[in-house]
Amino acid sequence: GIFSGTLSYIFNVWKPGVKFSTIVADAKEKGFTEPDPRDDLSGTDVQRKVTILSRECGLKVELDDVTVKSLVPEKLQNWE
């Protein structure tokens, strides 16, 4: 299955020469992203879903047990 419709959309639409920010803005405009796209791009949304699925399978998993690597540049990760 697909854990992130946003990431699936972005990586299916993104082509060489197209700005990543343009694709993210397009995904947000179409309603594919979380209200703050950084939740998708940081891996937080997938991290939550994997944690929930793991718990449903009977595993004792905490959010911090699921390692993710953010696509959000570090200087933008805590931007308000």
N, C-alpha and C. Protein backbone atom coordinates (compact mmCIF):
# COMPACT_ATOMS: atom_id res chain seq x y z
N GLY A 1 0.82 -1.18 0.00
CA GLY A 1 0.00 0.00 0.00
C GLY A 1 0.86 1.24 0.00
N ILE A 2 0.22 2.35 -0.13
CA ILE A 2 0.88 3.64 -0.13
C ILE A 2 0.60 4.32 1.20
N PHE A 3 1.65 4.68 1.91
CA PHE A 3 1.49 5.34 3.19
C PHE A 3 1.35 6.85 3.06
N SER A 4 1.75 7.40 1.92
CA SER A 4 1.65 8.85 1.73
C SER A 4 1.23 9.16 0.30
N GLY A 5 -0.02 9.57 0.17
CA GLY A 5 -0.52 10.00 -1.13
C GLY A 5 0.24 11.21 -1.63
N THR A 6 0.64 12.08 -0.71
CA THR A 6 1.40 13.27 -1.07
C THR A 6 2.72 12.90 -1.71
N LEU A 7 3.49 12.04 -1.03
CA LEU A 7 4.80 11.66 -1.57
C LEU A 7 4.64 10.89 -2.87
N SER A 8 3.62 10.06 -2.96
CA SER A 8 3.37 9.33 -4.19
C SER A 8 3.09 10.30 -5.34
N TYR A 9 2.24 11.28 -5.09
CA TYR A 9 1.93 12.28 -6.11
C TYR A 9 3.18 13.04 -6.53
N ILE A 10 3.92 13.54 -5.53
CA ILE A 10 5.11 14.34 -5.82
C ILE A 10 6.10 13.57 -6.68
N PHE A 11 6.39 12.33 -6.31
CA PHE A 11 7.42 11.60 -7.04
C PHE A 11 6.93 11.01 -8.36
N ASN A 12 5.62 10.99 -8.58
CA ASN A 12 5.10 10.59 -9.88
C ASN A 12 5.00 11.76 -10.85
N VAL A 13 4.92 12.98 -10.30
CA VAL A 13 4.75 14.17 -11.14
C VAL A 13 6.07 14.91 -11.36
N TRP A 14 6.96 14.84 -10.41
CA TRP A 14 8.21 15.59 -10.46
C TRP A 14 9.08 15.15 -11.62
N LYS A 15 9.47 16.09 -12.45
CA LYS A 15 10.32 15.84 -13.61
C LYS A 15 11.55 16.74 -13.55
N PRO A 16 12.65 16.33 -14.17
CA PRO A 16 13.83 17.19 -14.20
C PRO A 16 13.48 18.58 -14.74
N GLY A 17 14.00 19.59 -14.09
CA GLY A 17 13.76 20.96 -14.51
C GLY A 17 12.57 21.62 -13.82
N VAL A 18 11.75 20.84 -13.12
CA VAL A 18 10.60 21.40 -12.41
C VAL A 18 11.01 21.60 -10.95
N LYS A 19 10.75 22.79 -10.43
CA LYS A 19 11.11 23.08 -9.04
C LYS A 19 10.28 22.21 -8.10
N PHE A 20 10.96 21.65 -7.12
CA PHE A 20 10.30 20.82 -6.13
C PHE A 20 9.19 21.60 -5.44
N SER A 21 9.45 22.86 -5.11
CA SER A 21 8.46 23.69 -4.43
C SER A 21 7.20 23.89 -5.28
N THR A 22 7.35 23.90 -6.58
CA THR A 22 6.19 24.03 -7.48
C THR A 22 5.30 22.80 -7.39
N ILE A 23 5.92 21.63 -7.36
CA ILE A 23 5.15 20.38 -7.25
C ILE A 23 4.46 20.29 -5.90
N VAL A 24 5.16 20.69 -4.84
CA VAL A 24 4.55 20.67 -3.50
C VAL A 24 3.37 21.63 -3.45
N ALA A 25 3.53 22.83 -4.00
CA ALA A 25 2.43 23.80 -4.02
C ALA A 25 1.25 23.26 -4.81
N ASP A 26 1.51 22.59 -5.92
CA ASP A 26 0.45 21.98 -6.73
C ASP A 26 -0.28 20.90 -5.94
N ALA A 27 0.47 20.06 -5.24
CA ALA A 27 -0.13 19.00 -4.42
C ALA A 27 -0.99 19.60 -3.31
N LYS A 28 -0.51 20.68 -2.71
CA LYS A 28 -1.29 21.34 -1.64
C LYS A 28 -2.57 21.94 -2.21
N GLU A 29 -2.45 22.61 -3.35
CA GLU A 29 -3.62 23.23 -3.99
C GLU A 29 -4.69 22.18 -4.33
N LYS A 30 -4.25 20.99 -4.70
CA LYS A 30 -5.18 19.92 -5.06
C LYS A 30 -5.70 19.16 -3.84
N GLY A 31 -5.21 19.54 -2.65
CA GLY A 31 -5.71 18.92 -1.43
C GLY A 31 -5.05 17.60 -1.06
N PHE A 32 -3.90 17.30 -1.65
CA PHE A 32 -3.22 16.04 -1.37
C PHE A 32 -2.38 16.08 -0.09
N THR A 33 -1.96 17.27 0.32
CA THR A 33 -1.06 17.36 1.46
C THR A 33 -1.81 17.56 2.77
N GLU A 34 -1.08 17.35 3.86
CA GLU A 34 -1.59 17.76 5.17
C GLU A 34 -1.67 19.28 5.15
N PRO A 35 -2.40 19.90 6.09
CA PRO A 35 -2.48 21.36 6.10
C PRO A 35 -1.10 22.02 6.06
N ASP A 36 -0.13 21.44 6.75
CA ASP A 36 1.26 21.89 6.67
C ASP A 36 2.03 20.80 5.93
N PRO A 37 2.40 21.03 4.67
CA PRO A 37 3.08 19.99 3.87
C PRO A 37 4.34 19.43 4.51
N ARG A 38 4.92 20.16 5.47
CA ARG A 38 6.11 19.64 6.15
C ARG A 38 5.80 18.35 6.90
N ASP A 39 4.53 18.15 7.32
CA ASP A 39 4.17 16.89 7.98
C ASP A 39 4.36 15.71 7.02
N ASP A 40 4.08 15.94 5.75
CA ASP A 40 4.29 14.90 4.74
C ASP A 40 5.76 14.77 4.39
N LEU A 41 6.38 15.90 4.10
CA LEU A 41 7.77 15.89 3.62
C LEU A 41 8.77 15.51 4.70
N SER A 42 8.40 15.71 5.95
CA SER A 42 9.30 15.35 7.05
C SER A 42 9.24 13.87 7.36
N GLY A 43 8.21 13.20 6.85
CA GLY A 43 8.02 11.79 7.15
C GLY A 43 7.13 11.56 8.36
N THR A 44 6.70 12.65 9.01
CA THR A 44 5.89 12.54 10.22
C THR A 44 4.57 11.82 9.96
N ASP A 45 3.91 12.11 8.85
CA ASP A 45 2.63 11.47 8.55
C ASP A 45 2.81 9.96 8.35
N VAL A 46 3.84 9.57 7.61
CA VAL A 46 4.12 8.14 7.41
C VAL A 46 4.53 7.50 8.73
N GLN A 47 5.32 8.20 9.52
CA GLN A 47 5.75 7.69 10.83
C GLN A 47 4.54 7.37 11.70
N ARG A 48 3.56 8.28 11.71
CA ARG A 48 2.33 8.06 12.50
C ARG A 48 1.58 6.82 12.00
N LYS A 49 1.44 6.72 10.69
CA LYS A 49 0.68 5.61 10.10
C LYS A 49 1.36 4.26 10.36
N VAL A 50 2.68 4.22 10.25
CA VAL A 50 3.42 2.97 10.53
C VAL A 50 3.28 2.60 12.00
N THR A 51 3.31 3.58 12.88
CA THR A 51 3.14 3.33 14.31
C THR A 51 1.75 2.74 14.58
N ILE A 52 0.72 3.34 14.01
CA ILE A 52 -0.65 2.85 14.20
C ILE A 52 -0.79 1.44 13.66
N LEU A 53 -0.30 1.20 12.44
CA LEU A 53 -0.39 -0.13 11.83
C LEU A 53 0.34 -1.17 12.68
N SER A 54 1.51 -0.81 13.17
CA SER A 54 2.28 -1.73 14.01
C SER A 54 1.53 -2.09 15.28
N ARG A 55 0.91 -1.09 15.89
CA ARG A 55 0.13 -1.34 17.10
C ARG A 55 -1.08 -2.22 16.81
N GLU A 56 -1.71 -2.01 15.67
CA GLU A 56 -2.85 -2.85 15.27
C GLU A 56 -2.42 -4.30 15.07
N CYS A 57 -1.16 -4.50 14.72
CA CYS A 57 -0.61 -5.85 14.55
C CYS A 57 -0.14 -6.44 15.88
N GLY A 58 -0.33 -5.71 16.96
CA GLY A 58 0.02 -6.21 18.28
C GLY A 58 1.42 -5.87 18.76
N LEU A 59 2.13 -5.05 18.03
CA LEU A 59 3.48 -4.67 18.43
C LEU A 59 3.45 -3.47 19.37
N LYS A 60 4.37 -3.44 20.29
CA LYS A 60 4.49 -2.30 21.20
C LYS A 60 5.49 -1.33 20.58
N VAL A 61 4.97 -0.39 19.83
CA VAL A 61 5.80 0.55 19.09
C VAL A 61 5.43 1.97 19.49
N GLU A 62 6.44 2.79 19.69
CA GLU A 62 6.25 4.21 19.95
C GLU A 62 6.67 4.98 18.70
N LEU A 63 6.18 6.18 18.57
CA LEU A 63 6.48 7.01 17.41
C LEU A 63 7.98 7.12 17.17
N ASP A 64 8.74 7.30 18.22
CA ASP A 64 10.19 7.46 18.09
C ASP A 64 10.90 6.17 17.66
N ASP A 65 10.20 5.04 17.71
CA ASP A 65 10.78 3.77 17.26
C ASP A 65 10.84 3.68 15.74
N VAL A 66 10.08 4.53 15.07
CA VAL A 66 10.02 4.52 13.60
C VAL A 66 10.93 5.63 13.09
N THR A 67 12.04 5.22 12.50
CA THR A 67 13.03 6.18 11.99
C THR A 67 12.60 6.71 10.63
N VAL A 68 12.68 8.02 10.48
CA VAL A 68 12.37 8.64 9.19
C VAL A 68 13.47 9.64 8.84
N LYS A 69 13.58 9.93 7.56
CA LYS A 69 14.53 10.95 7.09
C LYS A 69 13.72 12.02 6.37
N SER A 70 13.84 13.22 6.84
CA SER A 70 13.06 14.35 6.32
C SER A 70 13.55 14.80 4.95
N LEU A 71 12.60 15.21 4.12
CA LEU A 71 12.92 15.85 2.84
C LEU A 71 12.93 17.38 3.00
N VAL A 72 12.55 17.85 4.19
CA VAL A 72 12.52 19.28 4.46
C VAL A 72 13.92 19.74 4.85
N PRO A 73 14.46 20.77 4.18
CA PRO A 73 15.78 21.27 4.56
C PRO A 73 15.78 21.68 6.03
N GLU A 74 16.90 21.44 6.71
CA GLU A 74 16.98 21.67 8.15
C GLU A 74 16.55 23.09 8.55
N LYS A 75 16.93 24.08 7.76
CA LYS A 75 16.60 25.46 8.13
C LYS A 75 15.10 25.76 8.05
N LEU A 76 14.34 24.89 7.40
CA LEU A 76 12.89 25.09 7.30
C LEU A 76 12.09 24.16 8.21
N GLN A 77 12.75 23.24 8.90
CA GLN A 77 12.04 22.24 9.69
C GLN A 77 11.27 22.83 10.86
N ASN A 78 11.77 23.91 11.46
CA ASN A 78 11.11 24.51 12.60
C ASN A 78 10.58 25.92 12.29
N TRP A 79 10.41 26.19 11.03
CA TRP A 79 9.93 27.51 10.60
C TRP A 79 8.48 27.67 10.99
N GLU A 80 8.14 28.83 11.50
CA GLU A 80 6.75 29.12 11.91
C GLU A 80 6.13 30.10 10.95
